[in-house]
């Protein structure tokens, strides 16, 4: 079996997405998503690169992509951030699109 990096998250967008342009010209949108299961709550940073983001704070979403840890310098110190780089970020109410995204992820896992 090949090594894989496939992730899916379903949760609630907790703040308005923040968009920025990189020096390369790429547009990066950061979306914070909170997942809840019983009393267990986690914040998951989602990144979307060069694709439109139409979700807003309070939306239930599904994100499918890969987990990446990136390193950067801030204040003279090296820091890191682990985030899900989404190939697909859609409202959970869009069942057909969610199903297709999850089927693609499952096919990738199946090899």
N, C-alpha and C. Protein backbone atom coordinates (compact mmCIF):
# COMPACT_ATOMS: atom_id res chain seq x y z
N UNK A 1 0.83 -1.17 0.00
CA UNK A 1 0.00 0.00 0.00
C UNK A 1 0.89 1.25 0.00
N UNK A 2 0.53 2.23 -0.80
CA UNK A 2 1.26 3.49 -0.84
C UNK A 2 0.92 4.34 0.37
N UNK A 3 1.85 5.21 0.75
CA UNK A 3 1.57 6.18 1.81
C UNK A 3 0.54 7.17 1.29
N UNK A 4 -0.41 7.52 2.15
CA UNK A 4 -1.47 8.45 1.75
C UNK A 4 -1.65 9.53 2.79
N UNK A 5 -2.15 10.65 2.35
CA UNK A 5 -2.49 11.75 3.24
C UNK A 5 -3.85 12.25 2.80
N UNK A 6 -4.90 11.69 3.36
CA UNK A 6 -6.27 12.03 3.01
C UNK A 6 -7.02 12.32 4.30
N UNK A 7 -7.73 13.45 4.34
CA UNK A 7 -8.46 13.82 5.55
C UNK A 7 -9.81 14.41 5.19
N UNK A 8 -10.78 14.19 6.07
CA UNK A 8 -12.11 14.78 5.91
C UNK A 8 -12.56 15.31 7.27
N UNK A 9 -13.14 16.49 7.27
CA UNK A 9 -13.63 17.12 8.50
C UNK A 9 -15.03 17.65 8.24
N UNK A 10 -15.91 17.43 9.21
CA UNK A 10 -17.26 17.99 9.16
C UNK A 10 -17.45 18.80 10.42
N UNK A 11 -17.80 20.09 10.26
CA UNK A 11 -17.96 20.93 11.43
C UNK A 11 -18.59 22.27 11.07
N UNK A 12 -18.49 23.22 11.98
CA UNK A 12 -19.10 24.53 11.84
C UNK A 12 -18.03 25.60 11.65
N UNK A 13 -18.21 26.46 10.66
CA UNK A 13 -17.30 27.59 10.44
C UNK A 13 -17.50 28.55 11.61
N UNK A 14 -16.41 28.87 12.33
CA UNK A 14 -16.54 29.66 13.55
C UNK A 14 -16.27 31.15 13.38
N UNK A 15 -15.66 31.55 12.27
CA UNK A 15 -15.43 32.97 12.00
C UNK A 15 -15.41 33.17 10.49
N UNK A 16 -15.58 34.41 10.09
CA UNK A 16 -15.58 34.69 8.65
C UNK A 16 -14.24 34.29 8.03
N UNK A 17 -14.26 33.67 6.86
CA UNK A 17 -13.02 33.29 6.18
C UNK A 17 -12.14 34.52 5.92
N UNK A 18 -10.84 34.32 6.02
CA UNK A 18 -9.87 35.41 5.79
C UNK A 18 -9.06 35.08 4.55
N UNK A 19 -9.03 36.02 3.63
CA UNK A 19 -8.35 35.81 2.35
C UNK A 19 -7.10 36.69 2.29
N UNK A 20 -6.02 36.13 1.69
CA UNK A 20 -4.82 36.93 1.48
C UNK A 20 -4.14 36.49 0.19
N UNK A 21 -3.37 37.40 -0.36
CA UNK A 21 -2.65 37.09 -1.59
C UNK A 21 -1.17 36.89 -1.26
N UNK A 22 -0.62 35.81 -1.76
CA UNK A 22 0.80 35.52 -1.57
C UNK A 22 1.63 36.27 -2.60
N UNK A 23 2.94 36.46 -2.33
CA UNK A 23 3.79 37.12 -3.32
C UNK A 23 3.77 36.42 -4.69
N UNK A 24 3.47 35.12 -4.70
CA UNK A 24 3.40 34.37 -5.96
C UNK A 24 2.15 34.70 -6.76
N UNK A 25 1.19 35.39 -6.12
CA UNK A 25 -0.07 35.70 -6.78
C UNK A 25 -1.20 34.75 -6.41
N UNK A 26 -0.87 33.66 -5.72
CA UNK A 26 -1.91 32.72 -5.27
C UNK A 26 -2.78 33.38 -4.20
N UNK A 27 -4.06 33.04 -4.23
CA UNK A 27 -5.00 33.52 -3.22
C UNK A 27 -5.22 32.38 -2.22
N UNK A 28 -4.98 32.67 -0.94
CA UNK A 28 -5.15 31.69 0.13
C UNK A 28 -6.28 32.16 1.04
N UNK A 29 -7.21 31.27 1.32
CA UNK A 29 -8.31 31.58 2.23
C UNK A 29 -8.22 30.66 3.43
N UNK A 30 -8.20 31.26 4.63
CA UNK A 30 -8.17 30.51 5.88
C UNK A 30 -9.57 30.47 6.47
N UNK A 31 -9.99 29.26 6.86
CA UNK A 31 -11.30 29.05 7.45
C UNK A 31 -11.12 28.24 8.73
N UNK A 32 -11.64 28.74 9.84
CA UNK A 32 -11.59 27.99 11.10
C UNK A 32 -12.88 27.20 11.25
N UNK A 33 -12.75 25.89 11.47
CA UNK A 33 -13.89 25.00 11.61
C UNK A 33 -13.81 24.32 12.98
N UNK A 34 -14.93 24.27 13.68
CA UNK A 34 -14.99 23.59 14.96
C UNK A 34 -15.79 22.31 14.81
N UNK A 35 -15.21 21.23 15.33
CA UNK A 35 -15.90 19.95 15.34
C UNK A 35 -16.31 19.64 16.78
N UNK A 36 -17.47 19.01 16.92
CA UNK A 36 -17.96 18.65 18.25
C UNK A 36 -18.49 17.21 18.22
N UNK A 37 -18.07 16.44 19.21
CA UNK A 37 -18.59 15.09 19.41
C UNK A 37 -18.75 14.90 20.90
N UNK A 38 -19.99 14.84 21.34
CA UNK A 38 -20.29 14.82 22.77
C UNK A 38 -19.69 16.08 23.41
N UNK A 39 -18.81 15.92 24.39
CA UNK A 39 -18.19 17.08 25.05
C UNK A 39 -16.80 17.37 24.49
N UNK A 40 -16.44 16.72 23.40
CA UNK A 40 -15.11 16.86 22.80
C UNK A 40 -15.17 17.86 21.65
N UNK A 41 -14.52 19.02 21.82
CA UNK A 41 -14.55 20.08 20.80
C UNK A 41 -13.13 20.36 20.32
N UNK A 42 -12.97 20.50 19.00
CA UNK A 42 -11.66 20.80 18.41
C UNK A 42 -11.80 21.87 17.35
N UNK A 43 -10.81 22.74 17.29
CA UNK A 43 -10.74 23.74 16.22
C UNK A 43 -9.79 23.22 15.15
N UNK A 44 -10.24 23.26 13.90
CA UNK A 44 -9.43 22.75 12.79
C UNK A 44 -9.21 23.88 11.78
N UNK A 45 -7.96 24.29 11.59
CA UNK A 45 -7.70 25.29 10.56
C UNK A 45 -7.75 24.66 9.17
N UNK A 46 -8.52 25.27 8.29
CA UNK A 46 -8.67 24.80 6.90
C UNK A 46 -8.08 25.87 5.99
N UNK A 47 -7.34 25.45 4.97
CA UNK A 47 -6.76 26.36 4.00
C UNK A 47 -7.26 25.97 2.62
N UNK A 48 -7.71 26.96 1.85
CA UNK A 48 -8.14 26.75 0.47
C UNK A 48 -7.25 27.63 -0.41
N UNK A 49 -6.63 27.03 -1.43
CA UNK A 49 -5.70 27.76 -2.29
C UNK A 49 -6.31 27.91 -3.68
N UNK A 50 -6.35 29.17 -4.17
CA UNK A 50 -6.77 29.48 -5.54
C UNK A 50 -8.12 28.90 -5.92
N UNK A 51 -9.07 28.92 -5.00
CA UNK A 51 -10.43 28.47 -5.29
C UNK A 51 -11.40 29.37 -4.52
N UNK A 52 -12.55 29.63 -5.11
CA UNK A 52 -13.51 30.50 -4.41
C UNK A 52 -14.04 29.82 -3.14
N UNK A 53 -14.24 30.62 -2.10
CA UNK A 53 -14.81 30.13 -0.85
C UNK A 53 -16.10 30.90 -0.60
N UNK A 54 -17.20 30.19 -0.52
CA UNK A 54 -18.51 30.83 -0.38
C UNK A 54 -19.15 30.57 0.98
N UNK A 55 -18.44 29.89 1.87
CA UNK A 55 -19.01 29.60 3.19
C UNK A 55 -18.83 30.81 4.09
N UNK A 56 -19.66 30.85 5.15
CA UNK A 56 -19.62 31.96 6.11
C UNK A 56 -19.67 31.42 7.52
N UNK A 57 -19.40 32.27 8.47
CA UNK A 57 -19.47 31.87 9.88
C UNK A 57 -20.85 31.30 10.18
N UNK A 58 -20.88 30.18 10.88
CA UNK A 58 -22.12 29.52 11.24
C UNK A 58 -22.53 28.40 10.31
N UNK A 59 -21.93 28.34 9.11
CA UNK A 59 -22.26 27.28 8.14
C UNK A 59 -21.69 25.93 8.61
N UNK A 60 -22.48 24.87 8.43
CA UNK A 60 -21.99 23.50 8.58
C UNK A 60 -21.27 23.16 7.29
N UNK A 61 -20.03 22.66 7.36
CA UNK A 61 -19.26 22.38 6.16
C UNK A 61 -18.60 21.01 6.24
N UNK A 62 -18.22 20.54 5.07
CA UNK A 62 -17.38 19.35 4.94
C UNK A 62 -16.16 19.76 4.14
N UNK A 63 -14.97 19.45 4.67
CA UNK A 63 -13.72 19.74 3.98
C UNK A 63 -12.99 18.42 3.74
N UNK A 64 -12.48 18.26 2.52
CA UNK A 64 -11.71 17.07 2.17
C UNK A 64 -10.39 17.56 1.59
N UNK A 65 -9.29 16.96 2.01
CA UNK A 65 -7.99 17.37 1.51
C UNK A 65 -6.89 16.57 2.16
N UNK A 66 -5.79 17.28 2.49
CA UNK A 66 -4.63 16.63 3.10
C UNK A 66 -4.13 17.47 4.26
N UNK A 67 -3.53 16.81 5.23
CA UNK A 67 -2.97 17.49 6.39
C UNK A 67 -1.53 17.91 6.08
N UNK A 68 -1.22 19.17 6.39
CA UNK A 68 0.11 19.71 6.13
C UNK A 68 0.58 20.47 7.36
N UNK A 69 1.83 20.30 7.70
CA UNK A 69 2.46 21.11 8.75
C UNK A 69 3.43 22.04 8.07
N UNK A 70 3.20 23.33 8.24
CA UNK A 70 4.11 24.28 7.60
C UNK A 70 4.86 25.07 8.66
N UNK A 71 6.07 25.45 8.32
CA UNK A 71 6.94 26.19 9.23
C UNK A 71 7.11 27.61 8.69
N UNK A 72 7.19 28.57 9.61
CA UNK A 72 7.38 29.97 9.22
C UNK A 72 8.07 30.70 10.36
N UNK A 73 8.62 31.87 10.03
CA UNK A 73 9.28 32.69 11.03
C UNK A 73 8.37 33.84 11.40
N UNK A 74 8.21 34.06 12.69
CA UNK A 74 7.42 35.18 13.19
C UNK A 74 8.10 35.71 14.44
N UNK A 75 8.40 36.99 14.44
CA UNK A 75 9.06 37.58 15.60
C UNK A 75 10.42 36.99 15.86
N UNK A 76 11.12 36.56 14.82
CA UNK A 76 12.46 36.00 14.96
C UNK A 76 12.48 34.57 15.47
N UNK A 77 11.30 33.94 15.56
CA UNK A 77 11.21 32.57 16.07
C UNK A 77 10.55 31.69 15.02
N UNK A 78 11.06 30.47 14.86
CA UNK A 78 10.43 29.52 13.96
C UNK A 78 9.20 28.93 14.64
N UNK A 79 8.07 28.98 13.93
CA UNK A 79 6.83 28.42 14.45
C UNK A 79 6.28 27.44 13.41
N UNK A 80 5.29 26.67 13.83
CA UNK A 80 4.66 25.76 12.87
C UNK A 80 3.15 25.79 13.08
N UNK A 81 2.46 25.35 12.05
CA UNK A 81 0.99 25.28 12.09
C UNK A 81 0.60 24.04 11.30
N UNK A 82 -0.28 23.24 11.87
CA UNK A 82 -0.82 22.08 11.19
C UNK A 82 -2.21 22.42 10.71
N UNK A 83 -2.49 22.18 9.43
CA UNK A 83 -3.78 22.58 8.85
C UNK A 83 -4.20 21.58 7.78
N UNK A 84 -5.49 21.60 7.48
CA UNK A 84 -6.02 20.78 6.40
C UNK A 84 -6.05 21.66 5.15
N UNK A 85 -5.30 21.28 4.13
CA UNK A 85 -5.34 21.98 2.85
C UNK A 85 -6.44 21.31 2.03
N UNK A 86 -7.53 22.04 1.86
CA UNK A 86 -8.74 21.45 1.27
C UNK A 86 -8.70 21.46 -0.25
N UNK A 87 -9.02 20.32 -0.83
CA UNK A 87 -9.27 20.24 -2.27
C UNK A 87 -10.75 20.50 -2.53
N UNK A 88 -11.57 20.31 -1.46
CA UNK A 88 -13.01 20.56 -1.55
C UNK A 88 -13.49 21.07 -0.21
N UNK A 89 -14.21 22.20 -0.21
CA UNK A 89 -14.84 22.75 0.98
C UNK A 89 -16.25 23.16 0.58
N UNK A 90 -17.24 22.45 1.11
CA UNK A 90 -18.64 22.69 0.72
C UNK A 90 -19.55 22.70 1.93
N UNK A 91 -20.69 23.34 1.78
CA UNK A 91 -21.70 23.30 2.83
C UNK A 91 -22.19 21.86 2.98
N UNK A 92 -22.38 21.44 4.22
CA UNK A 92 -22.83 20.07 4.49
C UNK A 92 -24.22 19.81 3.92
N UNK A 93 -25.01 20.86 3.74
CA UNK A 93 -26.37 20.70 3.20
C UNK A 93 -26.36 20.34 1.71
N UNK A 94 -25.22 20.53 1.04
CA UNK A 94 -25.10 20.19 -0.38
C UNK A 94 -24.72 18.71 -0.49
N UNK A 95 -25.69 17.84 -0.21
CA UNK A 95 -25.45 16.40 -0.06
C UNK A 95 -24.77 15.76 -1.27
N UNK A 96 -25.17 16.14 -2.46
CA UNK A 96 -24.61 15.52 -3.67
C UNK A 96 -23.11 15.81 -3.79
N UNK A 97 -22.73 17.07 -3.56
CA UNK A 97 -21.32 17.45 -3.66
C UNK A 97 -20.51 16.82 -2.54
N UNK A 98 -21.08 16.76 -1.34
CA UNK A 98 -20.41 16.11 -0.21
C UNK A 98 -20.18 14.64 -0.53
N UNK A 99 -21.20 13.96 -1.03
CA UNK A 99 -21.07 12.53 -1.38
C UNK A 99 -19.96 12.31 -2.40
N UNK A 100 -19.91 13.15 -3.45
CA UNK A 100 -18.86 13.00 -4.48
C UNK A 100 -17.47 13.21 -3.89
N UNK A 101 -17.32 14.23 -3.04
CA UNK A 101 -16.01 14.51 -2.44
C UNK A 101 -15.56 13.35 -1.55
N UNK A 102 -16.48 12.81 -0.77
CA UNK A 102 -16.13 11.69 0.11
C UNK A 102 -15.86 10.41 -0.69
N UNK A 103 -16.60 10.20 -1.78
CA UNK A 103 -16.34 9.04 -2.64
C UNK A 103 -14.96 9.12 -3.27
N UNK A 104 -14.55 10.33 -3.70
CA UNK A 104 -13.20 10.51 -4.26
C UNK A 104 -12.14 10.19 -3.21
N UNK A 105 -12.37 10.67 -1.98
CA UNK A 105 -11.41 10.40 -0.90
C UNK A 105 -11.35 8.90 -0.60
N UNK A 106 -12.49 8.24 -0.56
CA UNK A 106 -12.53 6.79 -0.30
C UNK A 106 -11.82 6.02 -1.41
N UNK A 107 -12.01 6.45 -2.65
CA UNK A 107 -11.34 5.78 -3.78
C UNK A 107 -9.82 5.95 -3.67
N UNK A 108 -9.39 7.12 -3.23
CA UNK A 108 -7.96 7.37 -3.05
C UNK A 108 -7.41 6.45 -1.96
N UNK A 109 -8.16 6.28 -0.88
CA UNK A 109 -7.72 5.40 0.19
C UNK A 109 -7.69 3.93 -0.23
N UNK A 110 -8.63 3.55 -1.09
CA UNK A 110 -8.71 2.16 -1.55
C UNK A 110 -7.59 1.83 -2.51
N UNK A 111 -7.01 2.86 -3.12
CA UNK A 111 -5.87 2.64 -4.01
C UNK A 111 -6.35 2.32 -5.37
